[in-house]
Amino acid sequence: PGGLSRAVRGALQDPDRLAGMAIAARAYTLEHHTL
């Protein structure tokens, strides 16, 4: 209990960092997790 809400609050505190992570996550998926 409380783990999910803490993670969401923490993630949304820094929009710029979150935008950078989204770019990195997409690049990582396209490199390693496509068919």
All heavy atoms as atom14 arrays in JSON, in Angstrom:
{
  "sequence": "PGGLSRAVRGALQDPDRLAGMAIAARAYTLEHHTL",
  "atom14_mask": [
    [1, 1, 1, 1, 1, 1, 1, 0, 0, 0, 0, 0, 0, 0],
    [1, 1, 1, 1, 0, 0, 0, 0, 0, 0, 0, 0, 0, 0],
    [1, 1, 1, 1, 0, 0, 0, 0, 0, 0, 0, 0, 0, 0],
    [1, 1, 1, 1, 1, 1, 1, 1, 0, 0, 0, 0, 0, 0],
    [1, 1, 1, 1, 1, 1, 0, 0, 0, 0, 0, 0, 0, 0],
    [1, 1, 1, 1, 1, 1, 1, 1, 1, 1, 1, 0, 0, 0],
    [1, 1, 1, 1, 1, 0, 0, 0, 0, 0, 0, 0, 0, 0],
    [1, 1, 1, 1, 1, 1, 1, 0, 0, 0, 0, 0, 0, 0],
    [1, 1, 1, 1, 1, 1, 1, 1, 1, 1, 1, 0, 0, 0],
    [1, 1, 1, 1, 0, 0, 0, 0, 0, 0, 0, 0, 0, 0],
    [1, 1, 1, 1, 1, 0, 0, 0, 0, 0, 0, 0, 0, 0],
    [1, 1, 1, 1, 1, 1, 1, 1, 0, 0, 0, 0, 0, 0],
    [1, 1, 1, 1, 1, 1, 1, 1, 1, 0, 0, 0, 0, 0],
    [1, 1, 1, 1, 1, 1, 1, 1, 0, 0, 0, 0, 0, 0],
    [1, 1, 1, 1, 1, 1, 1, 0, 0, 0, 0, 0, 0, 0],
    [1, 1, 1, 1, 1, 1, 1, 1, 0, 0, 0, 0, 0, 0],
    [1, 1, 1, 1, 1, 1, 1, 1, 1, 1, 1, 0, 0, 0],
    [1, 1, 1, 1, 1, 1, 1, 1, 0, 0, 0, 0, 0, 0],
    [1, 1, 1, 1, 1, 0, 0, 0, 0, 0, 0, 0, 0, 0],
    [1, 1, 1, 1, 0, 0, 0, 0, 0, 0, 0, 0, 0, 0],
    [1, 1, 1, 1, 1, 1, 1, 1, 0, 0, 0, 0, 0, 0],
    [1, 1, 1, 1, 1, 0, 0, 0, 0, 0, 0, 0, 0, 0],
    [1, 1, 1, 1, 1, 1, 1, 1, 0, 0, 0, 0, 0, 0],
    [1, 1, 1, 1, 1, 0, 0, 0, 0, 0, 0, 0, 0, 0],
    [1, 1, 1, 1, 1, 0, 0, 0, 0, 0, 0, 0, 0, 0],
    [1, 1, 1, 1, 1, 1, 1, 1, 1, 1, 1, 0, 0, 0],
    [1, 1, 1, 1, 1, 0, 0, 0, 0, 0, 0, 0, 0, 0],
    [1, 1, 1, 1, 1, 1, 1, 1, 1, 1, 1, 1, 0, 0],
    [1, 1, 1, 1, 1, 1, 1, 0, 0, 0, 0, 0, 0, 0],
    [1, 1, 1, 1, 1, 1, 1, 1, 0, 0, 0, 0, 0, 0],
    [1, 1, 1, 1, 1, 1, 1, 1, 1, 0, 0, 0, 0, 0],
    [1, 1, 1, 1, 1, 1, 1, 1, 1, 1, 0, 0, 0, 0],
    [1, 1, 1, 1, 1, 1, 1, 1, 1, 1, 0, 0, 0, 0],
    [1, 1, 1, 1, 1, 1, 1, 0, 0, 0, 0, 0, 0, 0],
    [1, 1, 1, 1, 1, 1, 1, 1, 0, 0, 0, 0, 0, 0]
  ],
  "atom14_positions": [
    [[0.82, -1.22, 0.0], [0.0, 0.0, 0.0], [0.85, 1.27, 0.0], [1.8, 1.4, 0.76], [-0.82, -0.13, 1.3], [-0.93, -1.6, 1.52], [0.39, -2.17, 1.05], [0.0, 0.0, 0.0], [0.0, 0.0, 0.0], [0.0, 0.0, 0.0], [0.0, 0.0, 0.0], [0.0, 0.0, 0.0], [0.0, 0.0, 0.0], [0.0, 0.0, 0.0]],
    [[0.52, 2.19, -0.89], [1.23, 3.46, -0.98], [2.35, 3.46, -2.01], [2.81, 4.54, -2.41], [0.0, 0.0, 0.0], [0.0, 0.0, 0.0], [0.0, 0.0, 0.0], [0.0, 0.0, 0.0], [0.0, 0.0, 0.0], [0.0, 0.0, 0.0], [0.0, 0.0, 0.0], [0.0, 0.0, 0.0], [0.0, 0.0, 0.0], [0.0, 0.0, 0.0]],
    [[2.79, 2.29, -2.45], [3.91, 2.23, -3.38], [3.6, 2.82, -4.74], [4.4, 3.56, -5.32], [0.0, 0.0, 0.0], [0.0, 0.0, 0.0], [0.0, 0.0, 0.0], [0.0, 0.0, 0.0], [0.0, 0.0, 0.0], [0.0, 0.0, 0.0], [0.0, 0.0, 0.0], [0.0, 0.0, 0.0], [0.0, 0.0, 0.0], [0.0, 0.0, 0.0]],
    [[2.42, 2.54, -5.29], [2.04, 3.05, -6.6], [1.86, 4.56, -6.57], [2.38, 5.27, -7.44], [0.75, 2.36, -7.07], [0.14, 2.89, -8.38], [1.13, 2.79, -9.53], [-1.15, 2.13, -8.7], [0.0, 0.0, 0.0], [0.0, 0.0, 0.0], [0.0, 0.0, 0.0], [0.0, 0.0, 0.0], [0.0, 0.0, 0.0], [0.0, 0.0, 0.0]],
    [[1.13, 5.07, -5.59], [0.88, 6.51, -5.53], [2.17, 7.29, -5.32], [2.36, 8.36, -5.91], [-0.14, 6.84, -4.44], [0.27, 6.32, -3.19], [0.0, 0.0, 0.0], [0.0, 0.0, 0.0], [0.0, 0.0, 0.0], [0.0, 0.0, 0.0], [0.0, 0.0, 0.0], [0.0, 0.0, 0.0], [0.0, 0.0, 0.0], [0.0, 0.0, 0.0]],
    [[3.08, 6.77, -4.52], [4.37, 7.46, -4.34], [5.15, 7.51, -5.65], [5.76, 8.53, -5.98], [5.19, 6.76, -3.26], [4.75, 7.05, -1.83], [5.8, 6.59, -0.83], [6.03, 5.16, -0.89], [5.35, 4.25, -0.2], [4.38, 4.66, 0.62], [5.62, 2.98, -0.29], [0.0, 0.0, 0.0], [0.0, 0.0, 0.0], [0.0, 0.0, 0.0]],
    [[5.13, 6.4, -6.4], [5.85, 6.37, -7.67], [5.26, 7.36, -8.67], [6.0, 8.06, -9.38], [5.82, 4.95, -8.25], [0.0, 0.0, 0.0], [0.0, 0.0, 0.0], [0.0, 0.0, 0.0], [0.0, 0.0, 0.0], [0.0, 0.0, 0.0], [0.0, 0.0, 0.0], [0.0, 0.0, 0.0], [0.0, 0.0, 0.0], [0.0, 0.0, 0.0]],
    [[3.95, 7.44, -8.74], [3.3, 8.36, -9.68], [3.59, 9.81, -9.3], [3.95, 10.63, -10.15], [1.78, 8.1, -9.72], [1.06, 9.2, -10.5], [1.5, 6.73, -10.36], [0.0, 0.0, 0.0], [0.0, 0.0, 0.0], [0.0, 0.0, 0.0], [0.0, 0.0, 0.0], [0.0, 0.0, 0.0], [0.0, 0.0, 0.0], [0.0, 0.0, 0.0]],
    [[3.44, 10.13, -8.03], [3.71, 11.51, -7.59], [5.16, 11.9, -7.91], [5.43, 12.99, -8.42], [3.45, 11.65, -6.09], [1.99, 11.53, -5.68], [1.83, 11.94, -4.22], [0.58, 11.42, -3.66], [0.49, 10.36, -2.86], [1.59, 9.67, -2.54], [-0.69, 9.97, -2.41], [0.0, 0.0, 0.0], [0.0, 0.0, 0.0], [0.0, 0.0, 0.0]],
    [[6.08, 11.01, -7.59], [7.49, 11.3, -7.82], [7.81, 11.47, -9.3], [8.56, 12.36, -9.69], [0.0, 0.0, 0.0], [0.0, 0.0, 0.0], [0.0, 0.0, 0.0], [0.0, 0.0, 0.0], [0.0, 0.0, 0.0], [0.0, 0.0, 0.0], [0.0, 0.0, 0.0], [0.0, 0.0, 0.0], [0.0, 0.0, 0.0], [0.0, 0.0, 0.0]],
    [[7.2, 10.63, -10.15], [7.47, 10.69, -11.58], [6.97, 12.0, -12.19], [7.61, 12.56, -13.09], [6.81, 9.51, -12.28], [0.0, 0.0, 0.0], [0.0, 0.0, 0.0], [0.0, 0.0, 0.0], [0.0, 0.0, 0.0], [0.0, 0.0, 0.0], [0.0, 0.0, 0.0], [0.0, 0.0, 0.0], [0.0, 0.0, 0.0], [0.0, 0.0, 0.0]],
    [[5.83, 12.49, -11.72], [5.21, 13.68, -12.31], [5.78, 14.99, -11.77], [5.41, 16.06, -12.26], [3.7, 13.64, -12.07], [2.96, 12.51, -12.81], [1.51, 12.43, -12.35], [3.03, 12.71, -14.32], [0.0, 0.0, 0.0], [0.0, 0.0, 0.0], [0.0, 0.0, 0.0], [0.0, 0.0, 0.0], [0.0, 0.0, 0.0], [0.0, 0.0, 0.0]],
    [[6.7, 14.91, -10.83], [7.29, 16.14, -10.27], [8.2, 16.85, -11.26], [8.39, 18.06, -11.17], [8.08, 15.81, -8.99], [7.2, 15.59, -7.77], [8.02, 15.31, -6.53], [9.25, 15.09, -6.6], [7.38, 15.29, -5.38], [0.0, 0.0, 0.0], [0.0, 0.0, 0.0], [0.0, 0.0, 0.0], [0.0, 0.0, 0.0], [0.0, 0.0, 0.0]],
    [[8.8, 16.11, -12.17], [9.79, 16.69, -13.1], [9.38, 16.37, -14.53], [9.82, 15.37, -15.12], [11.17, 16.11, -12.8], [12.28, 16.85, -13.53], [11.97, 17.55, -14.51], [13.46, 16.7, -13.14], [0.0, 0.0, 0.0], [0.0, 0.0, 0.0], [0.0, 0.0, 0.0], [0.0, 0.0, 0.0], [0.0, 0.0, 0.0], [0.0, 0.0, 0.0]],
    [[8.55, 17.21, -15.16], [8.06, 16.95, -16.52], [9.18, 16.84, -17.54], [9.09, 16.03, -18.48], [7.15, 18.14, -16.81], [6.75, 18.66, -15.46], [7.94, 18.42, -14.57], [0.0, 0.0, 0.0], [0.0, 0.0, 0.0], [0.0, 0.0, 0.0], [0.0, 0.0, 0.0], [0.0, 0.0, 0.0], [0.0, 0.0, 0.0], [0.0, 0.0, 0.0]],
    [[10.21, 17.66, -17.4], [11.31, 17.62, -18.38], [12.04, 16.28, -18.34], [12.38, 15.69, -19.37], [12.29, 18.77, -18.13], [11.68, 20.13, -18.44], [10.71, 20.17, -19.22], [12.17, 21.14, -17.9], [0.0, 0.0, 0.0], [0.0, 0.0, 0.0], [0.0, 0.0, 0.0], [0.0, 0.0, 0.0], [0.0, 0.0, 0.0], [0.0, 0.0, 0.0]],
    [[12.29, 15.8, -17.12], [12.95, 14.49, -16.98], [12.06, 13.4, -17.56], [12.53, 12.49, -18.25], [13.23, 14.21, -15.51], [13.89, 12.86, -15.27], [13.81, 12.46, -13.82], [14.41, 11.15, -13.6], [14.14, 10.36, -12.58], [13.28, 10.77, -11.65], [14.73, 9.2, -12.45], [0.0, 0.0, 0.0], [0.0, 0.0, 0.0], [0.0, 0.0, 0.0]],
    [[10.77, 13.5, -17.32], [9.83, 12.5, -17.8], [9.81, 12.47, -19.33], [9.78, 11.39, -19.94], [8.43, 12.81, -17.26], [7.39, 11.69, -17.29], [7.89, 10.46, -16.54], [6.08, 12.19, -16.69], [0.0, 0.0, 0.0], [0.0, 0.0, 0.0], [0.0, 0.0, 0.0], [0.0, 0.0, 0.0], [0.0, 0.0, 0.0], [0.0, 0.0, 0.0]],
    [[9.86, 13.63, -19.96], [9.89, 13.7, -21.42], [11.15, 13.04, -21.97], [11.11, 12.34, -22.98], [9.78, 15.15, -21.87], [0.0, 0.0, 0.0], [0.0, 0.0, 0.0], [0.0, 0.0, 0.0], [0.0, 0.0, 0.0], [0.0, 0.0, 0.0], [0.0, 0.0, 0.0], [0.0, 0.0, 0.0], [0.0, 0.0, 0.0], [0.0, 0.0, 0.0]],
    [[12.28, 13.27, -21.3], [13.52, 12.63, -21.72], [13.49, 11.13, -21.55], [14.01, 10.38, -22.39], [0.0, 0.0, 0.0], [0.0, 0.0, 0.0], [0.0, 0.0, 0.0], [0.0, 0.0, 0.0], [0.0, 0.0, 0.0], [0.0, 0.0, 0.0], [0.0, 0.0, 0.0], [0.0, 0.0, 0.0], [0.0, 0.0, 0.0], [0.0, 0.0, 0.0]],
    [[12.87, 10.66, -20.46], [12.74, 9.22, -20.25], [11.87, 8.58, -21.32], [12.13, 7.45, -21.76], [12.14, 8.96, -18.86], [13.08, 9.21, -17.71], [12.28, 8.91, -16.1], [11.86, 7.16, -16.24], [0.0, 0.0, 0.0], [0.0, 0.0, 0.0], [0.0, 0.0, 0.0], [0.0, 0.0, 0.0], [0.0, 0.0, 0.0], [0.0, 0.0, 0.0]],
    [[10.83, 9.27, -21.75], [9.95, 8.74, -22.79], [10.72, 8.51, -24.08], [10.54, 7.49, -24.76], [8.78, 9.69, -23.02], [0.0, 0.0, 0.0], [0.0, 0.0, 0.0], [0.0, 0.0, 0.0], [0.0, 0.0, 0.0], [0.0, 0.0, 0.0], [0.0, 0.0, 0.0], [0.0, 0.0, 0.0], [0.0, 0.0, 0.0], [0.0, 0.0, 0.0]],
    [[11.59, 9.45, -24.42], [12.41, 9.31, -25.63], [13.37, 8.14, -25.48], [13.55, 7.32, -26.4], [13.18, 10.62, -25.9], [12.21, 11.75, -26.25], [14.2, 10.42, -27.02], [12.85, 13.11, -26.33], [0.0, 0.0, 0.0], [0.0, 0.0, 0.0], [0.0, 0.0, 0.0], [0.0, 0.0, 0.0], [0.0, 0.0, 0.0], [0.0, 0.0, 0.0]],
    [[14.0, 8.02, -24.31], [14.94, 6.93, -24.07], [14.26, 5.57, -24.07], [14.79, 4.59, -24.61], [15.66, 7.16, -22.73], [0.0, 0.0, 0.0], [0.0, 0.0, 0.0], [0.0, 0.0, 0.0], [0.0, 0.0, 0.0], [0.0, 0.0, 0.0], [0.0, 0.0, 0.0], [0.0, 0.0, 0.0], [0.0, 0.0, 0.0], [0.0, 0.0, 0.0]],
    [[13.06, 5.51, -23.48], [12.32, 4.25, -23.44], [11.93, 3.78, -24.83], [12.01, 2.59, -25.16], [11.07, 4.41, -22.57], [0.0, 0.0, 0.0], [0.0, 0.0, 0.0], [0.0, 0.0, 0.0], [0.0, 0.0, 0.0], [0.0, 0.0, 0.0], [0.0, 0.0, 0.0], [0.0, 0.0, 0.0], [0.0, 0.0, 0.0], [0.0, 0.0, 0.0]],
    [[11.51, 4.71, -25.67], [11.13, 4.35, -27.04], [12.34, 3.83, -27.82], [12.26, 2.81, -28.51], [10.51, 5.55, -27.75], [9.98, 5.21, -29.14], [9.15, 6.34, -29.72], [8.43, 5.87, -30.89], [8.89, 5.95, -32.14], [10.08, 6.51, -32.37], [8.17, 5.5, -33.15], [0.0, 0.0, 0.0], [0.0, 0.0, 0.0], [0.0, 0.0, 0.0]],
    [[13.46, 4.53, -27.7], [14.67, 4.1, -28.4], [15.1, 2.72, -27.93], [15.52, 1.87, -28.74], [15.78, 5.12, -28.19], [0.0, 0.0, 0.0], [0.0, 0.0, 0.0], [0.0, 0.0, 0.0], [0.0, 0.0, 0.0], [0.0, 0.0, 0.0], [0.0, 0.0, 0.0], [0.0, 0.0, 0.0], [0.0, 0.0, 0.0], [0.0, 0.0, 0.0]],
    [[15.01, 2.46, -26.64], [15.43, 1.18, -26.07], [14.51, 0.05, -26.57], [14.98, -1.04, -26.91], [15.39, 1.27, -24.55], [16.11, 0.17, -23.84], [17.51, 0.16, -23.76], [15.42, -0.87, -23.23], [18.19, -0.85, -23.1], [16.09, -1.89, -22.57], [17.47, -1.87, -22.51], [18.13, -2.88, -21.86], [0.0, 0.0, 0.0], [0.0, 0.0, 0.0]],
    [[13.21, 0.33, -26.62], [12.26, -0.67, -27.1], [12.49, -0.99, -28.57], [12.48, -2.15, -28.97], [10.82, -0.16, -26.88], [10.57, -0.07, -25.49], [9.8, -1.11, -27.5], [0.0, 0.0, 0.0], [0.0, 0.0, 0.0], [0.0, 0.0, 0.0], [0.0, 0.0, 0.0], [0.0, 0.0, 0.0], [0.0, 0.0, 0.0], [0.0, 0.0, 0.0]],
    [[12.7, 0.04, -29.38], [12.92, -0.19, -30.81], [14.22, -0.93, -31.07], [14.36, -1.62, -32.09], [12.91, 1.15, -31.55], [11.57, 1.88, -31.6], [11.71, 3.23, -32.26], [10.52, 1.04, -32.31], [0.0, 0.0, 0.0], [0.0, 0.0, 0.0], [0.0, 0.0, 0.0], [0.0, 0.0, 0.0], [0.0, 0.0, 0.0], [0.0, 0.0, 0.0]],
    [[15.16, -0.83, -30.16], [16.43, -1.54, -30.33], [16.36, -2.99, -29.85], [16.93, -3.88, -30.48], [17.55, -0.81, -29.57], [18.91, -1.47, -29.74], [20.03, -0.73, -29.02], [19.76, 0.31, -28.38], [21.19, -1.19, -29.1], [0.0, 0.0, 0.0], [0.0, 0.0, 0.0], [0.0, 0.0, 0.0], [0.0, 0.0, 0.0], [0.0, 0.0, 0.0]],
    [[15.65, -3.22, -28.76], [15.74, -4.54, -28.11], [14.45, -5.35, -28.06], [14.51, -6.56, -27.79], [16.24, -4.37, -26.67], [17.61, -3.8, -26.57], [18.72, -4.43, -27.09], [18.06, -2.63, -26.02], [19.8, -3.69, -26.85], [19.43, -2.6, -26.22], [0.0, 0.0, 0.0], [0.0, 0.0, 0.0], [0.0, 0.0, 0.0], [0.0, 0.0, 0.0]],
    [[13.28, -4.74, -28.26], [12.05, -5.46, -27.96], [11.05, -5.56, -29.11], [9.91, -5.96, -28.9], [11.36, -4.82, -26.74], [12.2, -4.88, -25.5], [12.72, -6.06, -25.02], [12.64, -3.91, -24.67], [13.43, -5.81, -23.93], [13.4, -4.51, -23.7], [0.0, 0.0, 0.0], [0.0, 0.0, 0.0], [0.0, 0.0, 0.0], [0.0, 0.0, 0.0]],
    [[11.47, -5.23, -30.32], [10.61, -5.44, -31.47], [10.6, -6.92, -31.84], [11.41, -7.72, -31.35], [11.11, -4.64, -32.68], [12.44, -5.09, -33.0], [11.14, -3.14, -32.38], [0.0, 0.0, 0.0], [0.0, 0.0, 0.0], [0.0, 0.0, 0.0], [0.0, 0.0, 0.0], [0.0, 0.0, 0.0], [0.0, 0.0, 0.0], [0.0, 0.0, 0.0]],
    [[9.69, -7.29, -32.73], [9.66, -8.67, -33.22], [11.01, -9.07, -33.81], [11.53, -10.15, -33.54], [8.56, -8.82, -34.28], [7.12, -8.91, -33.79], [6.16, -8.73, -34.95], [6.88, -10.26, -33.11], [0.0, 0.0, 0.0], [0.0, 0.0, 0.0], [0.0, 0.0, 0.0], [0.0, 0.0, 0.0], [0.0, 0.0, 0.0], [0.0, 0.0, 0.0]]
  ]
}
